[in-house]
PDB file of all heavy atoms in Angstrom:
ATOM      1  N   LEU A   1       0.805  -1.179   0.014  1.00  0.00           N
ATOM      2  CA  LEU A   1      -0.004  -0.052  -0.003  1.00  0.00           C
ATOM      3  C   LEU A   1       0.869   1.316   0.052  1.00  0.00           C
ATOM      4  O   LEU A   1       0.610   2.205  -0.745  1.00  0.00           O
ATOM      5  CB  LEU A   1      -0.902  -0.019   1.198  1.00  0.00           C
ATOM      6  CG  LEU A   1      -1.851   1.231   1.320  1.00  0.00           C
ATOM      7  CD1 LEU A   1      -2.786   1.274   0.196  1.00  0.00           C
ATOM      8  CD2 LEU A   1      -2.583   1.246   2.665  1.00  0.00           C
ATOM      9  N   ALA A   2       1.942   1.212   0.749  1.00  0.00           N
ATOM     10  CA  ALA A   2       2.877   2.408   0.873  1.00  0.00           C
ATOM     11  C   ALA A   2       3.400   2.711  -0.566  1.00  0.00           C
ATOM     12  O   ALA A   2       3.585   3.908  -0.939  1.00  0.00           O
ATOM     13  CB  ALA A   2       3.884   2.130   1.860  1.00  0.00           C
ATOM     14  N   ALA A   3       3.690   1.634  -1.278  1.00  0.00           N
ATOM     15  CA  ALA A   3       4.241   1.924  -2.638  1.00  0.00           C
ATOM     16  C   ALA A   3       3.262   2.628  -3.582  1.00  0.00           C
ATOM     17  O   ALA A   3       3.652   3.393  -4.429  1.00  0.00           O
ATOM     18  CB  ALA A   3       4.695   0.500  -3.244  1.00  0.00           C
ATOM     19  N   GLY A   4       1.970   2.381  -3.290  1.00  0.00           N
ATOM     20  CA  GLY A   4       0.974   2.992  -4.171  1.00  0.00           C
ATOM     21  C   GLY A   4       0.461   4.312  -3.680  1.00  0.00           C
ATOM     22  O   GLY A   4      -0.265   5.006  -4.418  1.00  0.00           O
ATOM     23  N   THR A   5       0.839   4.643  -2.438  1.00  0.00           N
ATOM     24  CA  THR A   5       0.307   5.978  -1.921  1.00  0.00           C
ATOM     25  C   THR A   5       1.409   6.885  -1.420  1.00  0.00           C
ATOM     26  O   THR A   5       1.158   7.801  -0.765  1.00  0.00           O
ATOM     27  CB  THR A   5      -0.604   5.668  -0.695  1.00  0.00           C
ATOM     28  OG1 THR A   5      -0.004   4.933   0.216  1.00  0.00           O
ATOM     29  CG2 THR A   5      -1.914   4.894  -1.236  1.00  0.00           C
ATOM     30  N   GLY A   6       2.649   6.639  -1.780  1.00  0.00           N
ATOM     31  CA  GLY A   6       3.786   7.482  -1.318  1.00  0.00           C
ATOM     32  C   GLY A   6       3.857   8.753  -1.968  1.00  0.00           C
ATOM     33  O   GLY A   6       3.052   9.068  -2.935  1.00  0.00           O
ATOM     34  N   LYS A   7       4.644   9.722  -1.534  1.00  0.00           N
ATOM     35  CA  LYS A   7       4.788  10.994  -1.996  1.00  0.00           C
ATOM     36  C   LYS A   7       5.058  11.158  -3.475  1.00  0.00           C
ATOM     37  O   LYS A   7       4.649  12.012  -4.258  1.00  0.00           O
ATOM     38  CB  LYS A   7       5.890  11.813  -1.207  1.00  0.00           C
ATOM     39  CG  LYS A   7       5.495  12.123   0.237  1.00  0.00           C
ATOM     40  CD  LYS A   7       6.539  12.904   0.928  1.00  0.00           C
ATOM     41  CE  LYS A   7       6.242  13.211   2.390  1.00  0.00           C
ATOM     42  NZ  LYS A   7       7.271  13.995   3.031  1.00  0.00           N
ATOM     43  N   GLU A   8       6.013  10.247  -3.880  1.00  0.00           N
ATOM     44  CA  GLU A   8       6.359  10.272  -5.362  1.00  0.00           C
ATOM     45  C   GLU A   8       5.182  10.008  -6.256  1.00  0.00           C
ATOM     46  O   GLU A   8       5.021  10.616  -7.287  1.00  0.00           O
ATOM     47  CB  GLU A   8       7.556   9.266  -5.560  1.00  0.00           C
ATOM     48  CG  GLU A   8       8.232   9.438  -6.850  1.00  0.00           C
ATOM     49  CD  GLU A   8       9.432   8.505  -7.057  1.00  0.00           C
ATOM     50  OE1 GLU A   8       9.459   7.448  -6.573  1.00  0.00           O
ATOM     51  OE2 GLU A   8      10.448   9.037  -7.702  1.00  0.00           O
ATOM     52  N   VAL A   9       4.363   9.003  -5.855  1.00  0.00           N
ATOM     53  CA  VAL A   9       3.232   8.562  -6.680  1.00  0.00           C
ATOM     54  C   VAL A   9       2.206   9.759  -6.640  1.00  0.00           C
ATOM     55  O   VAL A   9       1.684  10.124  -7.665  1.00  0.00           O
ATOM     56  CB  VAL A   9       2.569   7.353  -6.212  1.00  0.00           C
ATOM     57  CG1 VAL A   9       1.315   7.046  -7.019  1.00  0.00           C
ATOM     58  CG2 VAL A   9       3.575   6.209  -6.326  1.00  0.00           C
ATOM     59  N   ARG A  10       2.002  10.325  -5.513  1.00  0.00           N
ATOM     60  CA  ARG A  10       0.957  11.349  -5.346  1.00  0.00           C
ATOM     61  C   ARG A  10       1.381  12.620  -6.141  1.00  0.00           C
ATOM     62  O   ARG A  10       0.598  13.347  -6.827  1.00  0.00           O
ATOM     63  CB  ARG A  10       0.794  11.721  -3.912  1.00  0.00           C
ATOM     64  CG  ARG A  10       0.091  10.616  -3.097  1.00  0.00           C
ATOM     65  CD  ARG A  10      -0.178  11.116  -1.600  1.00  0.00           C
ATOM     66  NE  ARG A  10      -0.875   9.971  -0.889  1.00  0.00           N
ATOM     67  CZ  ARG A  10      -2.206   9.756  -0.888  1.00  0.00           C
ATOM     68  NH1 ARG A  10      -2.971  10.539  -1.694  1.00  0.00           N
ATOM     69  NH2 ARG A  10      -2.658   8.757  -0.156  1.00  0.00           N
ATOM     70  N   ALA A  11       2.686  12.932  -6.221  1.00  0.00           N
ATOM     71  CA  ALA A  11       3.226  13.970  -6.951  1.00  0.00           C
ATOM     72  C   ALA A  11       3.011  13.813  -8.491  1.00  0.00           C
ATOM     73  O   ALA A  11       2.693  14.742  -9.271  1.00  0.00           O
ATOM     74  CB  ALA A  11       4.695  14.320  -6.656  1.00  0.00           C
ATOM     75  N   ALA A  12       3.253  12.542  -8.880  1.00  0.00           N
ATOM     76  CA  ALA A  12       3.100  12.177 -10.264  1.00  0.00           C
ATOM     77  C   ALA A  12       1.686  12.304 -10.723  1.00  0.00           C
ATOM     78  O   ALA A  12       1.327  12.675 -11.832  1.00  0.00           O
ATOM     79  CB  ALA A  12       3.607  10.773 -10.513  1.00  0.00           C
ATOM     80  N   VAL A  13       0.750  11.922  -9.765  1.00  0.00           N
ATOM     81  CA  VAL A  13      -0.687  12.018 -10.112  1.00  0.00           C
ATOM     82  C   VAL A  13      -1.086  13.452 -10.227  1.00  0.00           C
ATOM     83  O   VAL A  13      -2.047  13.747 -11.036  1.00  0.00           O
ATOM     84  CB  VAL A  13      -1.518  11.239  -9.055  1.00  0.00           C
ATOM     85  CG1 VAL A  13      -3.001  11.581  -9.142  1.00  0.00           C
ATOM     86  CG2 VAL A  13      -1.281   9.748  -9.125  1.00  0.00           C
ATOM     87  N   VAL A  14      -0.552  14.367  -9.456  1.00  0.00           N
ATOM     88  CA  VAL A  14      -0.858  15.754  -9.648  1.00  0.00           C
ATOM     89  C   VAL A  14      -0.461  16.243 -10.971  1.00  0.00           C
ATOM     90  O   VAL A  14      -1.191  16.973 -11.688  1.00  0.00           O
ATOM     91  CB  VAL A  14      -0.190  16.561  -8.540  1.00  0.00           C
ATOM     92  CG1 VAL A  14      -0.214  18.141  -8.839  1.00  0.00           C
ATOM     93  CG2 VAL A  14      -0.735  16.251  -7.167  1.00  0.00           C
ATOM     94  N   ARG A  15       0.705  15.811 -11.476  1.00  0.00           N
ATOM     95  CA  ARG A  15       1.165  16.202 -12.867  1.00  0.00           C
ATOM     96  C   ARG A  15       0.373  15.557 -13.900  1.00  0.00           C
ATOM     97  O   ARG A  15       0.269  16.131 -15.050  1.00  0.00           O
ATOM     98  CB  ARG A  15       2.642  15.932 -12.976  1.00  0.00           C
ATOM     99  CG  ARG A  15       3.501  16.762 -11.990  1.00  0.00           C
ATOM    100  CD  ARG A  15       5.038  16.540 -12.335  1.00  0.00           C
ATOM    101  NE  ARG A  15       5.468  15.224 -12.178  1.00  0.00           N
ATOM    102  CZ  ARG A  15       6.041  14.755 -11.033  1.00  0.00           C
ATOM    103  NH1 ARG A  15       6.109  15.529  -9.947  1.00  0.00           N
ATOM    104  NH2 ARG A  15       6.443  13.485 -10.880  1.00  0.00           N
ATOM    105  N   HIS A  16      -0.054  14.320 -13.684  1.00  0.00           N
ATOM    106  CA  HIS A  16      -0.733  13.535 -14.763  1.00  0.00           C
ATOM    107  C   HIS A  16      -1.932  12.867 -14.073  1.00  0.00           C
ATOM    108  O   HIS A  16      -1.994  11.737 -13.739  1.00  0.00           O
ATOM    109  CB  HIS A  16       0.201  12.465 -15.225  1.00  0.00           C
ATOM    110  CG  HIS A  16      -0.357  11.769 -16.448  1.00  0.00           C
ATOM    111  ND1 HIS A  16      -0.216  12.197 -17.742  1.00  0.00           N
ATOM    112  CD2 HIS A  16      -1.049  10.592 -16.588  1.00  0.00           C
ATOM    113  CE1 HIS A  16      -0.783  11.417 -18.615  1.00  0.00           C
ATOM    114  NE2 HIS A  16      -1.284  10.377 -17.896  1.00  0.00           N
ATOM    115  N   PRO A  17      -3.131  13.638 -13.809  1.00  0.00           N
ATOM    116  CA  PRO A  17      -4.242  13.097 -13.175  1.00  0.00           C
ATOM    117  C   PRO A  17      -4.927  11.932 -13.845  1.00  0.00           C
ATOM    118  O   PRO A  17      -4.855  11.823 -15.103  1.00  0.00           O
ATOM    119  CB  PRO A  17      -5.250  14.306 -13.153  1.00  0.00           C
ATOM    120  CG  PRO A  17      -4.377  15.515 -13.378  1.00  0.00           C
ATOM    121  CD  PRO A  17      -3.295  15.048 -14.331  1.00  0.00           C
ATOM    122  N   LEU A  18      -5.465  10.987 -13.103  1.00  0.00           N
ATOM    123  CA  LEU A  18      -6.191   9.835 -13.622  1.00  0.00           C
ATOM    124  C   LEU A  18      -7.624  10.123 -13.615  1.00  0.00           C
ATOM    125  O   LEU A  18      -8.264  10.091 -12.542  1.00  0.00           O
ATOM    126  CB  LEU A  18      -5.868   8.676 -12.820  1.00  0.00           C
ATOM    127  CG  LEU A  18      -4.324   8.339 -12.525  1.00  0.00           C
ATOM    128  CD1 LEU A  18      -4.122   6.969 -11.775  1.00  0.00           C
ATOM    129  CD2 LEU A  18      -3.513   8.422 -13.775  1.00  0.00           C
ATOM    130  N   ARG A  19      -8.183  10.633 -14.680  1.00  0.00           N
ATOM    131  CA  ARG A  19      -9.538  11.197 -14.812  1.00  0.00           C
ATOM    132  C   ARG A  19     -10.449  10.281 -15.486  1.00  0.00           C
ATOM    133  O   ARG A  19     -10.179   9.592 -16.444  1.00  0.00           O
ATOM    134  CB  ARG A  19      -9.448  12.505 -15.585  1.00  0.00           C
ATOM    135  CG  ARG A  19      -8.337  13.444 -15.078  1.00  0.00           C
ATOM    136  CD  ARG A  19      -8.539  14.835 -15.535  1.00  0.00           C
ATOM    137  NE  ARG A  19      -8.705  14.919 -17.093  1.00  0.00           N
ATOM    138  CZ  ARG A  19      -9.169  16.024 -17.662  1.00  0.00           C
ATOM    139  NH1 ARG A  19      -9.610  17.007 -17.023  1.00  0.00           N
ATOM    140  NH2 ARG A  19      -9.239  16.010 -18.979  1.00  0.00           N
ATOM    141  N   ASP A  20     -11.704  10.239 -15.007  1.00  0.00           N
ATOM    142  CA  ASP A  20     -12.752   9.534 -15.608  1.00  0.00           C
ATOM    143  C   ASP A  20     -14.040  10.359 -15.641  1.00  0.00           C
ATOM    144  O   ASP A  20     -14.213  11.246 -14.809  1.00  0.00           O
ATOM    145  CB  ASP A  20     -13.002   8.213 -14.807  1.00  0.00           C
ATOM    146  CG  ASP A  20     -13.954   7.236 -15.475  1.00  0.00           C
ATOM    147  OD1 ASP A  20     -13.940   7.290 -16.851  1.00  0.00           O
ATOM    148  OD2 ASP A  20     -14.577   6.551 -14.875  1.00  0.00           O
ATOM    149  N   LEU A  21     -14.900  10.016 -16.585  1.00  0.00           N
ATOM    150  CA  LEU A  21     -16.206  10.752 -16.682  1.00  0.00           C
ATOM    151  C   LEU A  21     -16.047  12.212 -16.803  1.00  0.00           C
ATOM    152  O   LEU A  21     -16.805  12.995 -16.288  1.00  0.00           O
ATOM    153  CB  LEU A  21     -17.138  10.430 -15.507  1.00  0.00           C
ATOM    154  CG  LEU A  21     -17.369   8.938 -15.272  1.00  0.00           C
ATOM    155  CD1 LEU A  21     -18.233   8.728 -14.072  1.00  0.00           C
ATOM    156  CD2 LEU A  21     -18.046   8.269 -16.432  1.00  0.00           C
ATOM    157  N   VAL A  22     -15.099  12.631 -17.645  1.00  0.00           N
ATOM    158  CA  VAL A  22     -14.733  14.082 -17.738  1.00  0.00           C
ATOM    159  C   VAL A  22     -15.977  14.820 -18.422  1.00  0.00           C
ATOM    160  O   VAL A  22     -16.483  14.430 -19.455  1.00  0.00           O
ATOM    161  CB  VAL A  22     -13.525  14.223 -18.668  1.00  0.00           C
ATOM    162  CG1 VAL A  22     -13.244  15.794 -18.786  1.00  0.00           C
ATOM    163  CG2 VAL A  22     -12.331  13.578 -17.982  1.00  0.00           C
ATOM    164  N   THR A  23     -16.399  15.895 -17.774  1.00  0.00           N
ATOM    165  CA  THR A  23     -17.485  16.660 -18.270  1.00  0.00           C
ATOM    166  C   THR A  23     -17.129  18.093 -18.319  1.00  0.00           C
ATOM    167  O   THR A  23     -16.693  18.718 -17.339  1.00  0.00           O
ATOM    168  CB  THR A  23     -18.756  16.523 -17.306  1.00  0.00           C
ATOM    169  OG1 THR A  23     -19.076  15.147 -17.163  1.00  0.00           O
ATOM    170  CG2 THR A  23     -19.973  17.241 -17.955  1.00  0.00           C
ATOM    171  N   ARG A  24     -17.289  18.745 -19.524  1.00  0.00           N
ATOM    172  CA  ARG A  24     -16.902  20.122 -19.700  1.00  0.00           C
ATOM    173  C   ARG A  24     -18.091  21.014 -19.807  1.00  0.00           C
ATOM    174  O   ARG A  24     -19.088  20.688 -20.344  1.00  0.00           O
ATOM    175  CB  ARG A  24     -16.040  20.221 -21.011  1.00  0.00           C
ATOM    176  CG  ARG A  24     -15.580  21.583 -21.281  1.00  0.00           C
ATOM    177  CD  ARG A  24     -14.725  21.676 -22.704  1.00  0.00           C
ATOM    178  NE  ARG A  24     -13.489  21.053 -22.475  1.00  0.00           N
ATOM    179  CZ  ARG A  24     -12.518  20.929 -23.435  1.00  0.00           C
ATOM    180  NH1 ARG A  24     -12.810  21.487 -24.602  1.00  0.00           N
ATOM    181  NH2 ARG A  24     -11.389  20.301 -23.254  1.00  0.00           N
ATOM    182  N   SER A  25     -17.927  22.196 -19.145  1.00  0.00           N
ATOM    183  CA  SER A  25     -18.926  23.229 -19.276  1.00  0.00           C
ATOM    184  C   SER A  25     -18.872  23.883 -20.627  1.00  0.00           C
ATOM    185  O   SER A  25     -17.998  23.569 -21.472  1.00  0.00           O
ATOM    186  CB  SER A  25     -18.672  24.340 -18.176  1.00  0.00           C
ATOM    187  OG  SER A  25     -17.472  25.123 -18.649  1.00  0.00           O
ATOM    188  N   GLU A  26     -19.837  24.758 -20.837  1.00  0.00           N
ATOM    189  CA  GLU A  26     -19.766  25.570 -22.054  1.00  0.00           C
ATOM    190  C   GLU A  26     -18.530  26.416 -22.034  1.00  0.00           C
ATOM    191  O   GLU A  26     -17.893  26.637 -20.967  1.00  0.00           O
ATOM    192  CB  GLU A  26     -20.911  26.586 -22.151  1.00  0.00           C
ATOM    193  CG  GLU A  26     -22.288  25.944 -22.261  1.00  0.00           C
ATOM    194  CD  GLU A  26     -23.404  26.936 -22.281  1.00  0.00           C
ATOM    195  OE1 GLU A  26     -23.154  28.008 -23.013  1.00  0.00           O
ATOM    196  OE2 GLU A  26     -24.398  26.738 -21.690  1.00  0.00           O
ATOM    197  N   LYS A  27     -18.106  26.951 -23.158  1.00  0.00           N
ATOM    198  CA  LYS A  27     -17.091  27.962 -23.271  1.00  0.00           C
ATOM    199  C   LYS A  27     -17.560  29.282 -22.976  1.00  0.00           C
ATOM    200  O   LYS A  27     -18.715  29.642 -23.594  1.00  0.00           O
ATOM    201  CB  LYS A  27     -16.293  28.038 -24.691  1.00  0.00           C
ATOM    202  CG  LYS A  27     -15.370  26.717 -24.933  1.00  0.00           C
ATOM    203  CD  LYS A  27     -14.733  26.933 -26.166  1.00  0.00           C
ATOM    204  CE  LYS A  27     -13.696  25.854 -26.533  1.00  0.00           C
ATOM    205  NZ  LYS A  27     -13.031  26.098 -27.893  1.00  0.00           N
ATOM    206  N   TYR A  28     -16.963  30.161 -22.240  1.00  0.00           N
ATOM    207  CA  TYR A  28     -17.379  31.486 -21.952  1.00  0.00           C
ATOM    208  C   TYR A  28     -16.326  32.447 -22.426  1.00  0.00           C
ATOM    209  O   TYR A  28     -15.179  32.227 -22.319  1.00  0.00           O
ATOM    210  CB  TYR A  28     -17.665  31.555 -20.520  1.00  0.00           C
ATOM    211  CG  TYR A  28     -18.859  30.811 -19.991  1.00  0.00           C
ATOM    212  CD1 TYR A  28     -18.563  29.569 -19.318  1.00  0.00           C
ATOM    213  CD2 TYR A  28     -20.129  31.080 -20.274  1.00  0.00           C
ATOM    214  CE1 TYR A  28     -19.557  28.693 -18.892  1.00  0.00           C
ATOM    215  CE2 TYR A  28     -21.157  30.207 -19.916  1.00  0.00           C
ATOM    216  CZ  TYR A  28     -20.890  29.025 -19.230  1.00  0.00           C
ATOM    217  OH  TYR A  28     -21.939  28.218 -18.773  1.00  0.00           O
ATOM    218  N   PRO A  29     -16.753  33.632 -22.888  1.00  0.00           N
ATOM    219  CA  PRO A  29     -15.832  34.625 -23.503  1.00  0.00           C
ATOM    220  C   PRO A  29     -15.071  35.359 -22.372  1.00  0.00           C
ATOM    221  O   PRO A  29     -15.533  35.738 -21.304  1.00  0.00           O
ATOM    222  CB  PRO A  29     -16.807  35.630 -24.284  1.00  0.00           C
ATOM    223  CG  PRO A  29     -18.112  35.508 -23.514  1.00  0.00           C
ATOM    224  CD  PRO A  29     -18.287  34.083 -23.013  1.00  0.00           C
ATOM    225  N   LEU A  30     -13.743  35.712 -22.784  1.00  0.00           N
ATOM    226  CA  LEU A  30     -12.913  36.510 -21.911  1.00  0.00           C
ATOM    227  C   LEU A  30     -12.132  37.504 -22.822  1.00  0.00           C
ATOM    228  O   LEU A  30     -11.356  36.987 -23.638  1.00  0.00           O
ATOM    229  CB  LEU A  30     -11.933  35.507 -21.251  1.00  0.00           C
ATOM    230  CG  LEU A  30     -10.778  36.225 -20.399  1.00  0.00           C
ATOM    231  CD1 LEU A  30     -11.400  36.904 -19.211  1.00  0.00           C
ATOM    232  CD2 LEU A  30      -9.745  35.208 -19.963  1.00  0.00           C
ATOM    233  N   LEU A  31     -12.392  38.700 -22.697  1.00  0.00           N
ATOM    234  CA  LEU A  31     -11.760  39.718 -23.524  1.00  0.00           C
ATOM    235  C   LEU A  31     -10.516  40.176 -22.804  1.00  0.00           C
ATOM    236  O   LEU A  31     -10.564  40.807 -21.722  1.00  0.00           O
ATOM    237  CB  LEU A  31     -12.664  40.996 -23.742  1.00  0.00           C
ATOM    238  CG  LEU A  31     -12.090  42.079 -24.621  1.00  0.00           C
ATOM    239  CD1 LEU A  31     -11.798  41.596 -26.028  1.00  0.00           C
ATOM    240  CD2 LEU A  31     -13.134  43.219 -24.647  1.00  0.00           C
TER     241      LEU A  31
END
């Protein structure tokens, strides 16, 4: 368990998130 939840793995997940069911809002304008 420690190997799968250590700092190095958590930092890697921040850089490369493991995402599912991604849902995007509308695009909104920004001038």
